[in-house]
Amino acid sequence: MIISTNGAVSWATIGRIVVAGFGIWVVMETWRIWLLLLTAAIVAAAIMPAARWGDRYRIPRIVAVSGVYLGGAFQGCTQ
């Protein structure tokens, strides 16, 4: 029970509020790292089909991934 019949707030509720506040503070202080990790995950997911295609035709993964990056850089330079 959060509030008892006499209006008092339990220590467990106060502890949960403090822990939640600390968690929010940690996320706000480290948002740049979270954004970087999210971006890396999206890029990795986008490159995975090309890497699998290279594996199927016995092309080394580094060559397939480098080709994707170079193709993207070339595409960006020509527009």
PDB file of N, CA and C in Angstrom:
ATOM      1  N   MET A   1       0.845  -1.169   0.000  1.00  0.00           N
ATOM      2  CA  MET A   1       0.000   0.000   0.000  1.00  0.00           C
ATOM      3  C   MET A   1       0.901   1.247   0.000  1.00  0.00           C
ATOM      4  N   ILE A   2       0.646   2.199  -0.884  1.00  0.00           N
ATOM      5  CA  ILE A   2       1.484   3.383  -1.005  1.00  0.00           C
ATOM      6  C   ILE A   2       1.234   4.360   0.139  1.00  0.00           C
ATOM      7  N   ILE A   3      -0.012   4.684   0.387  1.00  0.00           N
ATOM      8  CA  ILE A   3      -0.351   5.617   1.457  1.00  0.00           C
ATOM      9  C   ILE A   3      -1.237   4.881   2.454  1.00  0.00           C
ATOM     10  N   SER A   4      -0.842   4.942   3.708  1.00  0.00           N
ATOM     11  CA  SER A   4      -1.644   4.264   4.725  1.00  0.00           C
ATOM     12  C   SER A   4      -2.876   5.098   5.064  1.00  0.00           C
ATOM     13  N   THR A   5      -3.676   4.564   5.945  1.00  0.00           N
ATOM     14  CA  THR A   5      -4.918   5.253   6.292  1.00  0.00           C
ATOM     15  C   THR A   5      -4.671   6.578   7.007  1.00  0.00           C
ATOM     16  N   ASN A   6      -3.494   6.725   7.632  1.00  0.00           N
ATOM     17  CA  ASN A   6      -3.223   7.989   8.316  1.00  0.00           C
ATOM     18  C   ASN A   6      -2.477   8.993   7.430  1.00  0.00           C
ATOM     19  N   GLY A   7      -2.284   8.680   6.139  1.00  0.00           N
ATOM     20  CA  GLY A   7      -1.669   9.625   5.210  1.00  0.00           C
ATOM     21  C   GLY A   7      -0.163   9.519   5.118  1.00  0.00           C
ATOM     22  N   ALA A   8       0.472   8.582   5.803  1.00  0.00           N
ATOM     23  CA  ALA A   8       1.927   8.442   5.772  1.00  0.00           C
ATOM     24  C   ALA A   8       2.348   7.663   4.522  1.00  0.00           C
ATOM     25  N   VAL A   9       3.492   8.019   3.963  1.00  0.00           N
ATOM     26  CA  VAL A   9       4.051   7.336   2.803  1.00  0.00           C
ATOM     27  C   VAL A   9       5.086   6.341   3.321  1.00  0.00           C
ATOM     28  N   SER A  10       5.055   5.113   2.809  1.00  0.00           N
ATOM     29  CA  SER A  10       5.966   4.079   3.307  1.00  0.00           C
ATOM     30  C   SER A  10       7.395   4.341   2.839  1.00  0.00           C
ATOM     31  N   TRP A  11       8.352   3.776   3.575  1.00  0.00           N
ATOM     32  CA  TRP A  11       9.761   3.933   3.225  1.00  0.00           C
ATOM     33  C   TRP A  11      10.075   3.236   1.902  1.00  0.00           C
ATOM     34  N   ALA A  12       9.378   2.161   1.611  1.00  0.00           N
ATOM     35  CA  ALA A  12       9.597   1.464   0.343  1.00  0.00           C
ATOM     36  C   ALA A  12       9.225   2.364  -0.837  1.00  0.00           C
ATOM     37  N   THR A  13       8.154   3.110  -0.698  1.00  0.00           N
ATOM     38  CA  THR A  13       7.737   4.026  -1.764  1.00  0.00           C
ATOM     39  C   THR A  13       8.761   5.147  -1.939  1.00  0.00           C
ATOM     40  N   ILE A  14       9.250   5.662  -0.844  1.00  0.00           N
ATOM     41  CA  ILE A  14      10.280   6.709  -0.916  1.00  0.00           C
ATOM     42  C   ILE A  14      11.533   6.164  -1.582  1.00  0.00           C
ATOM     43  N   GLY A  15      11.907   4.937  -1.248  1.00  0.00           N
ATOM     44  CA  GLY A  15      13.080   4.311  -1.862  1.00  0.00           C
ATOM     45  C   GLY A  15      12.900   4.117  -3.360  1.00  0.00           C
ATOM     46  N   ARG A  16      11.713   3.698  -3.766  1.00  0.00           N
ATOM     47  CA  ARG A  16      11.447   3.518  -5.198  1.00  0.00           C
ATOM     48  C   ARG A  16      11.524   4.833  -5.951  1.00  0.00           C
ATOM     49  N   ILE A  17      11.020   5.895  -5.347  1.00  0.00           N
ATOM     50  CA  ILE A  17      11.080   7.210  -5.981  1.00  0.00           C
ATOM     51  C   ILE A  17      12.526   7.672  -6.133  1.00  0.00           C
ATOM     52  N   VAL A  18      13.342   7.440  -5.113  1.00  0.00           N
ATOM     53  CA  VAL A  18      14.754   7.828  -5.174  1.00  0.00           C
ATOM     54  C   VAL A  18      15.483   7.023  -6.248  1.00  0.00           C
ATOM     55  N   VAL A  19      15.239   5.710  -6.293  1.00  0.00           N
ATOM     56  CA  VAL A  19      15.888   4.871  -7.298  1.00  0.00           C
ATOM     57  C   VAL A  19      15.446   5.263  -8.706  1.00  0.00           C
ATOM     58  N   ALA A  20      14.171   5.538  -8.908  1.00  0.00           N
ATOM     59  CA  ALA A  20      13.676   5.964 -10.215  1.00  0.00           C
ATOM     60  C   ALA A  20      14.300   7.297 -10.619  1.00  0.00           C
ATOM     61  N   GLY A  21      14.391   8.225  -9.681  1.00  0.00           N
ATOM     62  CA  GLY A  21      15.012   9.516  -9.972  1.00  0.00           C
ATOM     63  C   GLY A  21      16.476   9.358 -10.344  1.00  0.00           C
ATOM     64  N   PHE A  22      17.177   8.481  -9.639  1.00  0.00           N
ATOM     65  CA  PHE A  22      18.586   8.228  -9.957  1.00  0.00           C
ATOM     66  C   PHE A  22      18.717   7.610 -11.344  1.00  0.00           C
ATOM     67  N   GLY A  23      17.821   6.677 -11.677  1.00  0.00           N
ATOM     68  CA  GLY A  23      17.855   6.059 -12.999  1.00  0.00           C
ATOM     69  C   GLY A  23      17.623   7.070 -14.108  1.00  0.00           C
ATOM     70  N   ILE A  24      16.679   7.960 -13.902  1.00  0.00           N
ATOM     71  CA  ILE A  24      16.410   9.008 -14.890  1.00  0.00           C
ATOM     72  C   ILE A  24      17.616   9.928 -15.030  1.00  0.00           C
ATOM     73  N   TRP A  25      18.238  10.257 -13.915  1.00  0.00           N
ATOM     74  CA  TRP A  25      19.426  11.121 -13.958  1.00  0.00           C
ATOM     75  C   TRP A  25      20.562  10.456 -14.736  1.00  0.00           C
ATOM     76  N   VAL A  26      20.781   9.153 -14.517  1.00  0.00           N
ATOM     77  CA  VAL A  26      21.848   8.434 -15.216  1.00  0.00           C
ATOM     78  C   VAL A  26      21.584   8.421 -16.721  1.00  0.00           C
ATOM     79  N   VAL A  27      20.348   8.171 -17.119  1.00  0.00           N
ATOM     80  CA  VAL A  27      20.026   8.156 -18.547  1.00  0.00           C
ATOM     81  C   VAL A  27      20.221   9.539 -19.154  1.00  0.00           C
ATOM     82  N   MET A  28      19.843  10.577 -18.436  1.00  0.00           N
ATOM     83  CA  MET A  28      19.999  11.935 -18.966  1.00  0.00           C
ATOM     84  C   MET A  28      21.467  12.332 -19.073  1.00  0.00           C
ATOM     85  N   GLU A  29      22.287  11.853 -18.164  1.00  0.00           N
ATOM     86  CA  GLU A  29      23.712  12.188 -18.206  1.00  0.00           C
ATOM     87  C   GLU A  29      24.462  11.404 -19.285  1.00  0.00           C
ATOM     88  N   THR A  30      23.939  10.261 -19.668  1.00  0.00           N
ATOM     89  CA  THR A  30      24.640   9.405 -20.627  1.00  0.00           C
ATOM     90  C   THR A  30      23.881   9.277 -21.946  1.00  0.00           C
ATOM     91  N   TRP A  31      23.045  10.238 -22.287  1.00  0.00           N
ATOM     92  CA  TRP A  31      22.222  10.121 -23.485  1.00  0.00           C
ATOM     93  C   TRP A  31      23.061  10.071 -24.757  1.00  0.00           C
ATOM     94  N   ARG A  32      24.223  10.716 -24.760  1.00  0.00           N
ATOM     95  CA  ARG A  32      25.072  10.695 -25.953  1.00  0.00           C
ATOM     96  C   ARG A  32      25.582   9.287 -26.238  1.00  0.00           C
ATOM     97  N   ILE A  33      25.929   8.571 -25.179  1.00  0.00           N
ATOM     98  CA  ILE A  33      26.397   7.193 -25.348  1.00  0.00           C
ATOM     99  C   ILE A  33      25.262   6.315 -25.866  1.00  0.00           C
ATOM    100  N   TRP A  34      24.057   6.478 -25.305  1.00  0.00           N
ATOM    101  CA  TRP A  34      22.904   5.699 -25.765  1.00  0.00           C
ATOM    102  C   TRP A  34      22.602   5.989 -27.228  1.00  0.00           C
ATOM    103  N   LEU A  35      22.715   7.252 -27.624  1.00  0.00           N
ATOM    104  CA  LEU A  35      22.467   7.622 -29.015  1.00  0.00           C
ATOM    105  C   LEU A  35      23.511   6.999 -29.937  1.00  0.00           C
ATOM    106  N   LEU A  36      24.766   6.988 -29.507  1.00  0.00           N
ATOM    107  CA  LEU A  36      25.828   6.372 -30.291  1.00  0.00           C
ATOM    108  C   LEU A  36      25.594   4.872 -30.444  1.00  0.00           C
ATOM    109  N   LEU A  37      25.199   4.201 -29.366  1.00  0.00           N
ATOM    110  CA  LEU A  37      24.922   2.767 -29.437  1.00  0.00           C
ATOM    111  C   LEU A  37      23.729   2.463 -30.337  1.00  0.00           C
ATOM    112  N   LEU A  38      22.703   3.284 -30.278  1.00  0.00           N
ATOM    113  CA  LEU A  38      21.538   3.094 -31.140  1.00  0.00           C
ATOM    114  C   LEU A  38      21.912   3.274 -32.605  1.00  0.00           C
ATOM    115  N   THR A  39      22.716   4.285 -32.906  1.00  0.00           N
ATOM    116  CA  THR A  39      23.160   4.524 -34.274  1.00  0.00           C
ATOM    117  C   THR A  39      24.009   3.362 -34.780  1.00  0.00           C
ATOM    118  N   ALA A  40      24.903   2.857 -33.929  1.00  0.00           N
ATOM    119  CA  ALA A  40      25.737   1.722 -34.322  1.00  0.00           C
ATOM    120  C   ALA A  40      24.895   0.482 -34.602  1.00  0.00           C
ATOM    121  N   ALA A  41      23.868   0.257 -33.803  1.00  0.00           N
ATOM    122  CA  ALA A  41      22.996  -0.898 -34.021  1.00  0.00           C
ATOM    123  C   ALA A  41      22.232  -0.769 -35.335  1.00  0.00           C
ATOM    124  N   ILE A  42      21.789   0.427 -35.662  1.00  0.00           N
ATOM    125  CA  ILE A  42      21.060   0.642 -36.913  1.00  0.00           C
ATOM    126  C   ILE A  42      21.982   0.440 -38.115  1.00  0.00           C
ATOM    127  N   VAL A  43      23.199   0.958 -38.036  1.00  0.00           N
ATOM    128  CA  VAL A  43      24.155   0.787 -39.139  1.00  0.00           C
ATOM    129  C   VAL A  43      24.507  -0.689 -39.309  1.00  0.00           C
ATOM    130  N   ALA A  44      24.721  -1.390 -38.195  1.00  0.00           N
ATOM    131  CA  ALA A  44      25.055  -2.814 -38.269  1.00  0.00           C
ATOM    132  C   ALA A  44      23.906  -3.611 -38.886  1.00  0.00           C
ATOM    133  N   ALA A  45      22.682  -3.272 -38.518  1.00  0.00           N
ATOM    134  CA  ALA A  45      21.531  -3.965 -39.091  1.00  0.00           C
ATOM    135  C   ALA A  45      21.384  -3.668 -40.579  1.00  0.00           C
ATOM    136  N   ALA A  46      21.744  -2.474 -40.993  1.00  0.00           N
ATOM    137  CA  ALA A  46      21.641  -2.116 -42.408  1.00  0.00           C
ATOM    138  C   ALA A  46      22.705  -2.813 -43.252  1.00  0.00           C
ATOM    139  N   ILE A  47      23.865  -3.078 -42.669  1.00  0.00           N
ATOM    140  CA  ILE A  47      24.962  -3.700 -43.406  1.00  0.00           C
ATOM    141  C   ILE A  47      24.852  -5.228 -43.413  1.00  0.00           C
ATOM    142  N   MET A  48      24.100  -5.795 -42.502  1.00  0.00           N
ATOM    143  CA  MET A  48      24.032  -7.252 -42.356  1.00  0.00           C
ATOM    144  C   MET A  48      23.625  -7.980 -43.645  1.00  0.00           C
ATOM    145  N   PRO A  49      22.647  -7.509 -44.431  1.00  0.00           N
ATOM    146  CA  PRO A  49      22.326  -8.240 -45.671  1.00  0.00           C
ATOM    147  C   PRO A  49      23.508  -8.332 -46.636  1.00  0.00           C
ATOM    148  N   ALA A  50      24.287  -7.272 -46.740  1.00  0.00           N
ATOM    149  CA  ALA A  50      25.454  -7.316 -47.629  1.00  0.00           C
ATOM    150  C   ALA A  50      26.506  -8.278 -47.091  1.00  0.00           C
ATOM    151  N   ALA A  51      26.683  -8.316 -45.788  1.00  0.00           N
ATOM    152  CA  ALA A  51      27.648  -9.237 -45.199  1.00  0.00           C
ATOM    153  C   ALA A  51      27.207 -10.685 -45.405  1.00  0.00           C
ATOM    154  N   ARG A  52      25.927 -10.966 -45.260  1.00  0.00           N
ATOM    155  CA  ARG A  52      25.423 -12.330 -45.495  1.00  0.00           C
ATOM    156  C   ARG A  52      25.571 -12.719 -46.970  1.00  0.00           C
ATOM    157  N   TRP A  53      25.311 -11.776 -47.855  1.00  0.00           N
ATOM    158  CA  TRP A  53      25.486 -12.050 -49.275  1.00  0.00           C
ATOM    159  C   TRP A  53      26.945 -12.402 -49.562  1.00  0.00           C
ATOM    160  N   GLY A  54      27.862 -11.640 -48.979  1.00  0.00           N
ATOM    161  CA  GLY A  54      29.282 -11.939 -49.159  1.00  0.00           C
ATOM    162  C   GLY A  54      29.667 -13.293 -48.589  1.00  0.00           C
ATOM    163  N   ASP A  55      29.104 -13.660 -47.447  1.00  0.00           N
ATOM    164  CA  ASP A  55      29.380 -14.979 -46.873  1.00  0.00           C
ATOM    165  C   ASP A  55      28.895 -16.088 -47.805  1.00  0.00           C
ATOM    166  N   ARG A  56      27.751 -15.883 -48.422  1.00  0.00           N
ATOM    167  CA  ARG A  56      27.185 -16.906 -49.305  1.00  0.00           C
ATOM    168  C   ARG A  56      28.095 -17.144 -50.507  1.00  0.00           C
ATOM    169  N   TYR A  57      28.740 -16.103 -51.021  1.00  0.00           N
ATOM    170  CA  TYR A  57      29.626 -16.238 -52.172  1.00  0.00           C
ATOM    171  C   TYR A  57      31.101 -16.258 -51.777  1.00  0.00           C
ATOM    172  N   ARG A  58      31.366 -16.564 -50.524  1.00  0.00           N
ATOM    173  CA  ARG A  58      32.734 -16.718 -49.987  1.00  0.00           C
ATOM    174  C   ARG A  58      33.591 -15.461 -50.167  1.00  0.00           C
ATOM    175  N   ILE A  59      32.959 -14.319 -50.049  1.00  0.00           N
ATOM    176  CA  ILE A  59      33.685 -13.043 -50.039  1.00  0.00           C
ATOM    177  C   ILE A  59      33.935 -12.702 -48.582  1.00  0.00           C
ATOM    178  N   PRO A  60      35.172 -12.351 -48.223  1.00  0.00           N
ATOM    179  CA  PRO A  60      35.440 -12.024 -46.820  1.00  0.00           C
ATOM    180  C   PRO A  60      34.530 -10.889 -46.327  1.00  0.00           C
ATOM    181  N   ARG A  61      34.119 -10.980 -45.080  1.00  0.00           N
ATOM    182  CA  ARG A  61      33.184 -10.019 -44.508  1.00  0.00           C
ATOM    183  C   ARG A  61      33.743  -8.594 -44.565  1.00  0.00           C
ATOM    184  N   ILE A  62      35.038  -8.437 -44.324  1.00  0.00           N
ATOM    185  CA  ILE A  62      35.645  -7.101 -44.335  1.00  0.00           C
ATOM    186  C   ILE A  62      35.541  -6.474 -45.726  1.00  0.00           C
ATOM    187  N   VAL A  63      35.635  -7.292 -46.766  1.00  0.00           N
ATOM    188  CA  VAL A  63      35.530  -6.780 -48.136  1.00  0.00           C
ATOM    189  C   VAL A  63      34.094  -6.349 -48.424  1.00  0.00           C
ATOM    190  N   ALA A  64      33.136  -7.170 -48.007  1.00  0.00           N
ATOM    191  CA  ALA A  64      31.723  -6.833 -48.256  1.00  0.00           C
ATOM    192  C   ALA A  64      31.321  -5.566 -47.504  1.00  0.00           C
ATOM    193  N   VAL A  65      31.703  -5.474 -46.242  1.00  0.00           N
ATOM    194  CA  VAL A  65      31.346  -4.298 -45.436  1.00  0.00           C
ATOM    195  C   VAL A  65      32.068  -3.061 -45.959  1.00  0.00           C
ATOM    196  N   SER A  66      33.334  -3.191 -46.324  1.00  0.00           N
ATOM    197  CA  SER A  66      34.068  -2.052 -46.890  1.00  0.00           C
ATOM    198  C   SER A  66      33.429  -1.590 -48.191  1.00  0.00           C
ATOM    199  N   GLY A  67      32.949  -2.545 -48.988  1.00  0.00           N
ATOM    200  CA  GLY A  67      32.265  -2.179 -50.217  1.00  0.00           C
ATOM    201  C   GLY A  67      30.999  -1.379 -49.961  1.00  0.00           C
ATOM    202  N   VAL A  68      30.273  -1.761 -48.906  1.00  0.00           N
ATOM    203  CA  VAL A  68      29.068  -0.999 -48.567  1.00  0.00           C
ATOM    204  C   VAL A  68      29.439   0.420 -48.163  1.00  0.00           C
ATOM    205  N   TYR A  69      30.460   0.555 -47.311  1.00  0.00           N
ATOM    206  CA  TYR A  69      30.875   1.891 -46.872  1.00  0.00           C
ATOM    207  C   TYR A  69      31.396   2.736 -48.040  1.00  0.00           C
ATOM    208  N   LEU A  70      32.222   2.126 -48.889  1.00  0.00           N
ATOM    209  CA  LEU A  70      32.747   2.879 -50.032  1.00  0.00           C
ATOM    210  C   LEU A  70      31.640   3.225 -51.025  1.00  0.00           C
ATOM    211  N   GLY A  71      30.712   2.315 -51.227  1.00  0.00           N
ATOM    212  CA  GLY A  71      29.579   2.610 -52.104  1.00  0.00           C
ATOM    213  C   GLY A  71      28.730   3.742 -51.553  1.00  0.00           C
ATOM    214  N   GLY A  72      28.518   3.742 -50.262  1.00  0.00           N
ATOM    215  CA  GLY A  72      27.747   4.833 -49.643  1.00  0.00           C
ATOM    216  C   GLY A  72      28.492   6.164 -49.732  1.00  0.00           C
ATOM    217  N   ALA A  73      29.825   6.120 -49.551  1.00  0.00           N
ATOM    218  CA  ALA A  73      30.609   7.352 -49.653  1.00  0.00           C
ATOM    219  C   ALA A  73      30.603   7.858 -51.089  1.00  0.00           C
ATOM    220  N   PHE A  74      30.726   6.940 -52.051  1.00  0.00           N
ATOM    221  CA  PHE A  74      30.700   7.344 -53.456  1.00  0.00           C
ATOM    222  C   PHE A  74      29.346   7.924 -53.829  1.00  0.00           C
ATOM    223  N   GLN A  75      28.282   7.284 -53.357  1.00  0.00           N
ATOM    224  CA  GLN A  75      26.943   7.771 -53.631  1.00  0.00           C
ATOM    225  C   GLN A  75      26.744   9.181 -53.045  1.00  0.00           C
ATOM    226  N   GLY A  76      27.286   9.391 -51.833  1.00  0.00           N
ATOM    227  CA  GLY A  76      27.170  10.695 -51.196  1.00  0.00           C
ATOM    228  C   GLY A  76      27.970  11.780 -51.923  1.00  0.00           C
ATOM    229  N   CYS A  77      29.084  11.393 -52.528  1.00  0.00           N
ATOM    230  CA  CYS A  77      29.910  12.375 -53.232  1.00  0.00           C
ATOM    231  C   CYS A  77      29.341  12.760 -54.598  1.00  0.00           C
ATOM    232  N   THR A  78      28.552  11.884 -55.198  1.00  0.00           N
ATOM    233  CA  THR A  78      28.059  12.165 -56.537  1.00  0.00           C
ATOM    234  C   THR A  78      26.750  12.951 -56.541  1.00  0.00           C
ATOM    235  N   GLN A  79      26.170  13.154 -55.402  1.00  0.00           N
ATOM    236  CA  GLN A  79      24.890  13.886 -55.384  1.00  0.00           C
ATOM    237  C   GLN A  79      25.083  15.327 -55.084  1.00  0.00           C
TER     238      GLN A  79
END
